């Protein structure tokens, strides 16, 4: 129930912000709200939680930062915030 509640809260927030971004960013935000993301995000998460997998954390982080003018930075901040919240739980 907690996961579905989080989905609903995340999607509600994203819908309110739809007119503040472009279509591509909006779709990425919707995917993130449902705990998904582009391959670069998944690659970074795998390198964080499975350091024995190919690709270094630093390389994957830099690749992520290259997504758009601000999107990569916001994805990175979202990942950091998500990890902080996960550690709190």
Protein backbone atom coordinates (compact mmCIF):
# COMPACT_ATOMS: atom_id res chain seq x y z
CA UNK A 1 0.00 0.00 0.00
CA UNK A 2 2.87 2.38 0.77
CA UNK A 3 4.36 1.94 -2.71
CA UNK A 4 1.03 2.66 -4.43
CA UNK A 5 0.52 5.69 -2.20
CA UNK A 6 3.97 6.95 -3.21
CA UNK A 7 3.13 6.41 -6.92
CA UNK A 8 -0.07 8.43 -6.56
CA UNK A 9 1.63 11.26 -4.67
CA UNK A 10 4.50 11.41 -7.16
CA UNK A 11 2.20 11.41 -10.19
CA UNK A 12 -0.02 14.10 -8.67
CA UNK A 13 3.01 16.35 -8.19
CA UNK A 14 4.24 15.68 -11.74
CA UNK A 15 0.83 16.50 -13.26
CA UNK A 16 0.78 19.83 -11.40
CA UNK A 17 4.17 20.69 -12.91
CA UNK A 18 3.41 19.58 -16.49
CA UNK A 19 3.20 23.11 -17.89
CA UNK A 20 6.57 24.05 -16.36
CA UNK A 21 8.62 21.71 -18.57
CA UNK A 22 8.80 20.28 -22.08
CA UNK A 23 7.21 17.04 -23.33
CA UNK A 24 10.42 14.98 -23.13
CA UNK A 25 11.21 16.06 -19.58
CA UNK A 26 7.59 15.52 -18.56
CA UNK A 27 7.72 11.91 -19.81
CA UNK A 28 11.01 11.33 -17.96
CA UNK A 29 9.48 12.78 -14.79
CA UNK A 30 6.45 10.49 -15.12
CA UNK A 31 8.72 7.48 -15.54
CA UNK A 32 10.75 8.53 -12.50
CA UNK A 33 7.58 9.00 -10.47
CA UNK A 34 6.88 5.31 -11.04
CA UNK A 35 10.44 4.40 -10.01
CA UNK A 36 11.79 3.96 -13.54
CA UNK A 37 14.12 5.92 -15.75
CA UNK A 38 16.31 6.11 -18.84
CA UNK A 39 19.13 3.60 -19.35
CA UNK A 40 21.75 6.10 -18.13
CA UNK A 41 19.94 6.34 -14.79
CA UNK A 42 19.64 2.56 -14.49
CA UNK A 43 23.35 2.18 -15.36
CA UNK A 44 24.29 4.64 -12.61
CA UNK A 45 22.10 2.87 -10.05
CA UNK A 46 23.59 -0.51 -10.99
CA UNK A 47 27.11 0.88 -10.60
CA UNK A 48 26.16 2.32 -7.18
CA UNK A 49 24.61 -0.84 -5.80
CA UNK A 50 26.66 -3.43 -7.73
CA UNK A 51 30.19 -2.04 -8.02
CA UNK A 52 31.42 -5.33 -9.53
CA UNK A 53 29.37 -4.66 -12.72
CA UNK A 54 31.09 -3.05 -15.74
CA UNK A 55 31.18 0.75 -15.81
CA UNK A 56 32.44 2.94 -13.01
CA UNK A 57 30.25 5.12 -10.85
CA UNK A 58 32.14 8.22 -11.97
CA UNK A 59 31.78 7.40 -15.70
CA UNK A 60 28.07 6.68 -15.36
CA UNK A 61 27.55 9.82 -13.29
CA UNK A 62 29.24 11.99 -15.94
CA UNK A 63 27.17 10.36 -18.70
CA UNK A 64 24.02 11.13 -16.74
CA UNK A 65 24.99 14.78 -16.27
CA UNK A 66 25.21 15.16 -20.06
CA UNK A 67 21.44 14.60 -20.51
CA UNK A 68 20.06 17.98 -21.60
CA UNK A 69 20.85 21.31 -20.05
CA UNK A 70 19.47 20.54 -16.60
CA UNK A 71 17.79 17.11 -16.76
CA UNK A 72 20.91 15.10 -15.93
CA UNK A 73 21.66 17.28 -12.93
CA UNK A 74 18.11 16.93 -11.65
CA UNK A 75 18.18 13.14 -12.20
CA UNK A 76 21.39 12.99 -10.17
CA UNK A 77 19.88 15.11 -7.39
CA UNK A 78 16.79 12.91 -7.41
CA UNK A 79 18.91 9.78 -7.06
CA UNK A 80 20.84 11.29 -4.17
CA UNK A 81 17.61 12.39 -2.49
CA UNK A 82 16.08 8.95 -3.05
CA UNK A 83 19.08 7.23 -1.47
CA UNK A 84 18.87 9.59 1.53
CA UNK A 85 15.16 8.82 1.99
CA UNK A 86 15.81 5.08 1.59
CA UNK A 87 18.45 5.25 4.32
CA UNK A 88 15.99 7.06 6.61
CA UNK A 89 13.44 4.25 6.21
